[in-house]
Amino acid sequence: MTTGLSPENFIYFVIFCFTMTFSPGPMTIFLLSLGLKSGLKSALPAQIGASLAYLISIIIFAIGLSEIIKDYPLLTHTIQLTGISYIIYLAYKQWTSKEIQINTHIDLKNFKDLFCKGMLTGMSNPKTILMFTAVFPQFSAQKDHQMTDISILGITFLVLQFASGCSYCYFGQRIKPLLDQPSRQSLLHKTSAVLLLAVATMLARSFLA
């Protein structure tokens, strides 16, 4: 399998994905809530549902769209600019994020309910669609190896997302005190914002080169 993915781009992508998947968000807080209530084993169906939702989104929005637009340079550049702008927006949102609310009153008992809830949470987030559409193609080579590159990036994202979800579920009791303190929440959000801004700067530099 031939790839045009550069080591530098891959490292920045891992930083981006690590920041996105491990920083508090709708999915991580949902999985943390399940972990606090029922533990990792009971939360796994929701995690599997979320991973399936992300896989479907990657296939449709990242791989599918990239194949459609690869012969249209102007559209490609527009999406690249959108992706950079979106990462900057995410950095701003992280920097200005307010207090995190953790809800442990979740009335979901069987595998099907948890699986569907996890999948729905993953699919219903508009940020997910924009991320896979505008951000993923930023890190891949143009045209020749794009599908291979995005497949590698997609697998990397899914692994990090699954690791993040399991960590929030398993270490929920230890993570919760961190998220309960506003000062630590603020530090976590601001660190995430700086990392996202660094990734956006790298992409902007590559775009202007």
C-alpha atoms as a PDB file:
ATOM      1  CA  MET A   1       0.000   0.000   0.000  1.00  0.00           C
ATOM      2  CA  THR A   2       1.580   3.260  -1.186  1.00  0.00           C
ATOM      3  CA  THR A   3       1.011   6.476   0.707  1.00  0.00           C
ATOM      4  CA  GLY A   4       1.932  10.104   0.177  1.00  0.00           C
ATOM      5  CA  LEU A   5       1.401  10.955   3.836  1.00  0.00           C
ATOM      6  CA  SER A   6       4.443  12.777   5.218  1.00  0.00           C
ATOM      7  CA  PRO A   7       5.719  12.033   8.751  1.00  0.00           C
ATOM      8  CA  GLU A   8       5.266  15.701   9.691  1.00  0.00           C
ATOM      9  CA  ASN A   9       1.637  15.742   8.571  1.00  0.00           C
ATOM     10  CA  PHE A  10       0.942  12.482  10.371  1.00  0.00           C
ATOM     11  CA  ILE A  11       2.428  13.803  13.629  1.00  0.00           C
ATOM     12  CA  TYR A  12       0.310  16.950  13.413  1.00  0.00           C
ATOM     13  CA  PHE A  13      -2.732  14.811  12.635  1.00  0.00           C
ATOM     14  CA  VAL A  14      -2.117  12.672  15.722  1.00  0.00           C
ATOM     15  CA  ILE A  15      -1.830  15.855  17.814  1.00  0.00           C
ATOM     16  CA  PHE A  16      -5.103  17.112  16.317  1.00  0.00           C
ATOM     17  CA  CYS A  17      -6.939  13.818  16.891  1.00  0.00           C
ATOM     18  CA  PHE A  18      -5.527  13.379  20.389  1.00  0.00           C
ATOM     19  CA  THR A  19      -6.722  16.863  21.289  1.00  0.00           C
ATOM     20  CA  MET A  20     -10.156  16.316  19.747  1.00  0.00           C
ATOM     21  CA  THR A  21     -10.775  12.858  21.198  1.00  0.00           C
ATOM     22  CA  PHE A  22      -9.325  13.307  24.688  1.00  0.00           C
ATOM     23  CA  SER A  23     -10.560  16.835  25.421  1.00  0.00           C
ATOM     24  CA  PRO A  24     -14.047  17.021  27.001  1.00  0.00           C
ATOM     25  CA  GLY A  25     -16.888  17.024  24.471  1.00  0.00           C
ATOM     26  CA  PRO A  26     -20.402  15.550  24.040  1.00  0.00           C
ATOM     27  CA  MET A  27     -19.137  12.026  23.389  1.00  0.00           C
ATOM     28  CA  THR A  28     -16.416  11.939  26.048  1.00  0.00           C
ATOM     29  CA  ILE A  29     -18.728  13.380  28.718  1.00  0.00           C
ATOM     30  CA  PHE A  30     -21.454  10.887  27.750  1.00  0.00           C
ATOM     31  CA  LEU A  31     -19.004   7.977  28.058  1.00  0.00           C
ATOM     32  CA  LEU A  32     -17.608   9.386  31.304  1.00  0.00           C
ATOM     33  CA  SER A  33     -21.141   9.542  32.706  1.00  0.00           C
ATOM     34  CA  LEU A  34     -21.743   5.917  31.732  1.00  0.00           C
ATOM     35  CA  GLY A  35     -18.422   4.889  33.233  1.00  0.00           C
ATOM     36  CA  LEU A  36     -19.184   6.608  36.523  1.00  0.00           C
ATOM     37  CA  LYS A  37     -22.580   4.933  36.699  1.00  0.00           C
ATOM     38  CA  SER A  38     -21.911   1.419  35.410  1.00  0.00           C
ATOM     39  CA  GLY A  39     -18.198   0.968  34.652  1.00  0.00           C
ATOM     40  CA  LEU A  40     -16.300   0.204  31.450  1.00  0.00           C
ATOM     41  CA  LYS A  41     -17.979  -3.122  30.637  1.00  0.00           C
ATOM     42  CA  SER A  42     -21.477  -1.648  30.686  1.00  0.00           C
ATOM     43  CA  ALA A  43     -20.398   1.383  28.638  1.00  0.00           C
ATOM     44  CA  LEU A  44     -18.750  -0.617  25.839  1.00  0.00           C
ATOM     45  CA  PRO A  45     -21.947  -0.914  23.719  1.00  0.00           C
ATOM     46  CA  ALA A  46     -22.165   2.891  23.560  1.00  0.00           C
ATOM     47  CA  GLN A  47     -18.488   3.098  22.655  1.00  0.00           C
ATOM     48  CA  ILE A  48     -18.936   0.543  19.868  1.00  0.00           C
ATOM     49  CA  GLY A  49     -21.954   2.473  18.564  1.00  0.00           C
ATOM     50  CA  ALA A  50     -19.955   5.710  18.543  1.00  0.00           C
ATOM     51  CA  SER A  51     -17.059   4.061  16.696  1.00  0.00           C
ATOM     52  CA  LEU A  52     -19.437   2.706  14.045  1.00  0.00           C
ATOM     53  CA  ALA A  53     -20.949   6.177  13.616  1.00  0.00           C
ATOM     54  CA  TYR A  54     -17.500   7.681  13.113  1.00  0.00           C
ATOM     55  CA  LEU A  55     -16.525   4.934  10.660  1.00  0.00           C
ATOM     56  CA  ILE A  56     -19.623   5.599   8.546  1.00  0.00           C
ATOM     57  CA  SER A  57     -18.904   9.339   8.628  1.00  0.00           C
ATOM     58  CA  ILE A  58     -15.295   8.803   7.529  1.00  0.00           C
ATOM     59  CA  ILE A  59     -16.367   6.630   4.594  1.00  0.00           C
ATOM     60  CA  ILE A  60     -19.066   9.058   3.441  1.00  0.00           C
ATOM     61  CA  PHE A  61     -17.624  12.472   4.185  1.00  0.00           C
ATOM     62  CA  ALA A  62     -13.845  11.998   4.141  1.00  0.00           C
ATOM     63  CA  ILE A  63     -13.143   9.261   1.583  1.00  0.00           C
ATOM     64  CA  GLY A  64     -16.251   9.751  -0.582  1.00  0.00           C
ATOM     65  CA  LEU A  65     -16.096  13.528  -0.814  1.00  0.00           C
ATOM     66  CA  SER A  66     -12.342  13.534  -1.427  1.00  0.00           C
ATOM     67  CA  GLU A  67     -12.783  11.263  -4.430  1.00  0.00           C
ATOM     68  CA  ILE A  68     -15.497  13.522  -5.848  1.00  0.00           C
ATOM     69  CA  ILE A  69     -13.624  16.831  -5.524  1.00  0.00           C
ATOM     70  CA  LYS A  70     -10.037  15.750  -6.217  1.00  0.00           C
ATOM     71  CA  ASP A  71     -10.199  16.966  -9.841  1.00  0.00           C
ATOM     72  CA  TYR A  72     -11.525  20.411  -8.852  1.00  0.00           C
ATOM     73  CA  PRO A  73      -8.603  22.481  -7.471  1.00  0.00           C
ATOM     74  CA  LEU A  74     -10.692  25.551  -6.626  1.00  0.00           C
ATOM     75  CA  LEU A  75     -13.175  23.509  -4.608  1.00  0.00           C
ATOM     76  CA  THR A  76     -10.319  21.651  -2.938  1.00  0.00           C
ATOM     77  CA  HIS A  77      -8.671  24.923  -1.906  1.00  0.00           C
ATOM     78  CA  THR A  78     -11.979  26.242  -0.599  1.00  0.00           C
ATOM     79  CA  ILE A  79     -12.400  23.159   1.582  1.00  0.00           C
ATOM     80  CA  GLN A  80      -8.797  23.493   2.753  1.00  0.00           C
ATOM     81  CA  LEU A  81      -9.442  27.065   3.883  1.00  0.00           C
ATOM     82  CA  THR A  82     -12.659  25.934   5.550  1.00  0.00           C
ATOM     83  CA  GLY A  83     -10.754  23.238   7.415  1.00  0.00           C
ATOM     84  CA  ILE A  84      -8.114  25.669   8.673  1.00  0.00           C
ATOM     85  CA  SER A  85     -10.796  28.143   9.716  1.00  0.00           C
ATOM     86  CA  TYR A  86     -12.692  25.387  11.501  1.00  0.00           C
ATOM     87  CA  ILE A  87      -9.648  24.321  13.525  1.00  0.00           C
ATOM     88  CA  ILE A  88      -9.071  27.954  14.540  1.00  0.00           C
ATOM     89  CA  TYR A  89     -12.742  28.119  15.556  1.00  0.00           C
ATOM     90  CA  LEU A  90     -12.338  24.943  17.630  1.00  0.00           C
ATOM     91  CA  ALA A  91      -9.290  26.489  19.315  1.00  0.00           C
ATOM     92  CA  TYR A  92     -11.357  29.571  20.165  1.00  0.00           C
ATOM     93  CA  LYS A  93     -14.206  27.427  21.524  1.00  0.00           C
ATOM     94  CA  GLN A  94     -11.792  25.447  23.670  1.00  0.00           C
ATOM     95  CA  TRP A  95     -10.198  28.632  25.010  1.00  0.00           C
ATOM     96  CA  THR A  96     -13.574  30.118  25.960  1.00  0.00           C
ATOM     97  CA  SER A  97     -15.256  26.888  27.139  1.00  0.00           C
ATOM     98  CA  LYS A  98     -17.369  27.102  30.262  1.00  0.00           C
ATOM     99  CA  GLU A  99     -17.905  24.642  33.100  1.00  0.00           C
ATOM    100  CA  ILE A 100     -18.422  20.991  32.146  1.00  0.00           C
ATOM    101  CA  GLN A 101     -21.639  19.362  33.350  1.00  0.00           C
ATOM    102  CA  ILE A 102     -21.527  15.622  34.075  1.00  0.00           C
ATOM    103  CA  ASN A 103     -24.847  13.782  34.219  1.00  0.00           C
ATOM    104  CA  THR A 104     -24.829  10.322  35.795  1.00  0.00           C
ATOM    105  CA  HIS A 105     -28.628   9.926  35.663  1.00  0.00           C
ATOM    106  CA  ILE A 106     -28.718   7.909  32.431  1.00  0.00           C
ATOM    107  CA  ASP A 107     -31.571   5.417  32.154  1.00  0.00           C
ATOM    108  CA  LEU A 108     -30.171   3.061  29.524  1.00  0.00           C
ATOM    109  CA  LYS A 109     -29.919  -0.588  30.498  1.00  0.00           C
ATOM    110  CA  ASN A 110     -29.618  -3.012  27.600  1.00  0.00           C
ATOM    111  CA  PHE A 111     -27.026  -3.386  24.842  1.00  0.00           C
ATOM    112  CA  LYS A 112     -29.330  -2.102  22.098  1.00  0.00           C
ATOM    113  CA  ASP A 113     -30.245   1.119  23.920  1.00  0.00           C
ATOM    114  CA  LEU A 114     -26.630   1.916  24.776  1.00  0.00           C
ATOM    115  CA  PHE A 115     -25.419   1.061  21.264  1.00  0.00           C
ATOM    116  CA  CYS A 116     -28.071   3.246  19.613  1.00  0.00           C
ATOM    117  CA  LYS A 117     -27.437   6.129  22.010  1.00  0.00           C
ATOM    118  CA  GLY A 118     -23.700   5.992  21.310  1.00  0.00           C
ATOM    119  CA  MET A 119     -24.251   5.840  17.563  1.00  0.00           C
ATOM    120  CA  LEU A 120     -26.796   8.677  17.635  1.00  0.00           C
ATOM    121  CA  THR A 121     -24.482  10.865  19.714  1.00  0.00           C
ATOM    122  CA  GLY A 122     -21.665  10.267  17.226  1.00  0.00           C
ATOM    123  CA  MET A 123     -23.774  10.852  14.111  1.00  0.00           C
ATOM    124  CA  SER A 124     -25.774  13.850  15.327  1.00  0.00           C
ATOM    125  CA  ASN A 125     -22.826  16.113  16.082  1.00  0.00           C
ATOM    126  CA  PRO A 126     -22.419  18.574  13.157  1.00  0.00           C
ATOM    127  CA  LYS A 127     -18.796  19.098  14.201  1.00  0.00           C
ATOM    128  CA  THR A 128     -18.112  15.490  13.233  1.00  0.00           C
ATOM    129  CA  ILE A 129     -19.341  16.013   9.670  1.00  0.00           C
ATOM    130  CA  LEU A 130     -17.337  19.209   9.219  1.00  0.00           C
ATOM    131  CA  MET A 131     -14.234  17.644  10.727  1.00  0.00           C
ATOM    132  CA  PHE A 132     -14.272  14.649   8.392  1.00  0.00           C
ATOM    133  CA  THR A 133     -15.219  16.780   5.373  1.00  0.00           C
ATOM    134  CA  ALA A 134     -12.899  19.760   5.746  1.00  0.00           C
ATOM    135  CA  VAL A 135     -10.102  18.701   8.107  1.00  0.00           C
ATOM    136  CA  PHE A 136      -9.156  15.121   7.227  1.00  0.00           C
ATOM    137  CA  PRO A 137      -8.245  15.847   3.572  1.00  0.00           C
ATOM    138  CA  GLN A 138      -5.879  18.598   4.786  1.00  0.00           C
ATOM    139  CA  PHE A 139      -3.354  16.065   6.014  1.00  0.00           C
ATOM    140  CA  SER A 140      -3.337  13.774   2.963  1.00  0.00           C
ATOM    141  CA  ALA A 141      -1.436  13.967  -0.295  1.00  0.00           C
ATOM    142  CA  GLN A 142      -3.346  15.360  -3.241  1.00  0.00           C
ATOM    143  CA  LYS A 143      -4.876  13.054  -5.876  1.00  0.00           C
ATOM    144  CA  ASP A 144      -2.524  10.062  -6.264  1.00  0.00           C
ATOM    145  CA  HIS A 145      -2.581   8.623  -2.744  1.00  0.00           C
ATOM    146  CA  GLN A 146      -5.450  10.519  -1.177  1.00  0.00           C
ATOM    147  CA  MET A 147      -7.776   7.570  -0.544  1.00  0.00           C
ATOM    148  CA  THR A 148      -4.971   5.521   1.029  1.00  0.00           C
ATOM    149  CA  ASP A 149      -3.884   8.460   3.166  1.00  0.00           C
ATOM    150  CA  ILE A 150      -7.388   9.213   4.415  1.00  0.00           C
ATOM    151  CA  SER A 151      -7.909   5.514   5.192  1.00  0.00           C
ATOM    152  CA  ILE A 152      -4.759   5.582   7.358  1.00  0.00           C
ATOM    153  CA  LEU A 153      -5.907   8.797   9.012  1.00  0.00           C
ATOM    154  CA  GLY A 154      -9.365   7.333   9.580  1.00  0.00           C
ATOM    155  CA  ILE A 155      -7.992   4.212  11.276  1.00  0.00           C
ATOM    156  CA  THR A 156      -5.730   6.399  13.424  1.00  0.00           C
ATOM    157  CA  PHE A 157      -8.686   8.534  14.486  1.00  0.00           C
ATOM    158  CA  LEU A 158     -10.831   5.488  15.313  1.00  0.00           C
ATOM    159  CA  VAL A 159      -8.059   3.955  17.448  1.00  0.00           C
ATOM    160  CA  LEU A 160      -7.543   7.204  19.384  1.00  0.00           C
ATOM    161  CA  GLN A 161     -11.292   7.743  19.750  1.00  0.00           C
ATOM    162  CA  PHE A 162     -11.792   4.228  21.099  1.00  0.00           C
ATOM    163  CA  ALA A 163      -8.838   4.620  23.474  1.00  0.00           C
ATOM    164  CA  SER A 164     -10.239   7.944  24.663  1.00  0.00           C
ATOM    165  CA  GLY A 165     -13.709   6.514  25.293  1.00  0.00           C
ATOM    166  CA  CYS A 166     -12.353   3.512  27.181  1.00  0.00           C
ATOM    167  CA  SER A 167     -10.104   5.788  29.254  1.00  0.00           C
ATOM    168  CA  TYR A 168     -12.994   8.058  30.226  1.00  0.00           C
ATOM    169  CA  CYS A 169     -15.122   5.033  31.136  1.00  0.00           C
ATOM    170  CA  TYR A 170     -12.445   3.100  33.026  1.00  0.00           C
ATOM    171  CA  PHE A 171     -10.752   6.002  34.806  1.00  0.00           C
ATOM    172  CA  GLY A 172     -13.980   7.942  35.345  1.00  0.00           C
ATOM    173  CA  GLN A 173     -13.639   8.075  39.114  1.00  0.00           C
ATOM    174  CA  ARG A 174     -10.126   9.533  38.794  1.00  0.00           C
ATOM    175  CA  ILE A 175     -10.920  11.904  35.934  1.00  0.00           C
ATOM    176  CA  LYS A 176     -14.055  13.362  37.535  1.00  0.00           C
ATOM    177  CA  PRO A 177     -12.196  15.282  40.303  1.00  0.00           C
ATOM    178  CA  LEU A 178     -10.081  16.906  37.584  1.00  0.00           C
ATOM    179  CA  LEU A 179     -13.162  17.981  35.647  1.00  0.00           C
ATOM    180  CA  ASP A 180     -14.954  19.120  38.814  1.00  0.00           C
ATOM    181  CA  GLN A 181     -12.386  21.851  39.481  1.00  0.00           C
ATOM    182  CA  PRO A 182     -12.898  25.003  37.350  1.00  0.00           C
ATOM    183  CA  SER A 183      -9.194  25.920  37.428  1.00  0.00           C
ATOM    184  CA  ARG A 184      -8.170  22.511  36.071  1.00  0.00           C
ATOM    185  CA  GLN A 185     -10.958  22.592  33.506  1.00  0.00           C
ATOM    186  CA  SER A 186      -9.683  25.959  32.315  1.00  0.00           C
ATOM    187  CA  LEU A 187      -6.101  24.681  32.040  1.00  0.00           C
ATOM    188  CA  LEU A 188      -7.263  21.636  30.075  1.00  0.00           C
ATOM    189  CA  HIS A 189      -9.310  23.758  27.661  1.00  0.00           C
ATOM    190  CA  LYS A 190      -6.531  26.296  27.120  1.00  0.00           C
ATOM    191  CA  THR A 191      -3.932  23.578  26.519  1.00  0.00           C
ATOM    192  CA  SER A 192      -6.239  22.012  23.922  1.00  0.00           C
ATOM    193  CA  ALA A 193      -6.727  25.427  22.297  1.00  0.00           C
ATOM    194  CA  VAL A 194      -2.971  26.003  21.969  1.00  0.00           C
ATOM    195  CA  LEU A 195      -2.460  22.549  20.410  1.00  0.00           C
ATOM    196  CA  LEU A 196      -5.277  23.129  17.909  1.00  0.00           C
ATOM    197  CA  LEU A 197      -3.870  26.539  16.999  1.00  0.00           C
ATOM    198  CA  ALA A 198      -0.457  24.954  16.374  1.00  0.00           C
ATOM    199  CA  VAL A 199      -2.056  22.439  13.995  1.00  0.00           C
ATOM    200  CA  ALA A 200      -3.950  25.225  12.177  1.00  0.00           C
ATOM    201  CA  THR A 201      -0.697  27.191  11.808  1.00  0.00           C
ATOM    202  CA  MET A 202       1.052  24.175  10.289  1.00  0.00           C
ATOM    203  CA  LEU A 203      -1.778  23.616   7.803  1.00  0.00           C
ATOM    204  CA  ALA A 204      -1.872  27.308   6.871  1.00  0.00           C
ATOM    205  CA  ARG A 205       1.872  27.272   6.277  1.00  0.00           C
ATOM    206  CA  SER A 206       1.557  24.234   3.994  1.00  0.00           C
ATOM    207  CA  PHE A 207      -1.376  25.822   2.158  1.00  0.00           C
ATOM    208  CA  LEU A 208       0.539  29.049   1.482  1.00  0.00           C
ATOM    209  CA  ALA A 209       3.786  27.307   0.516  1.00  0.00           C
END
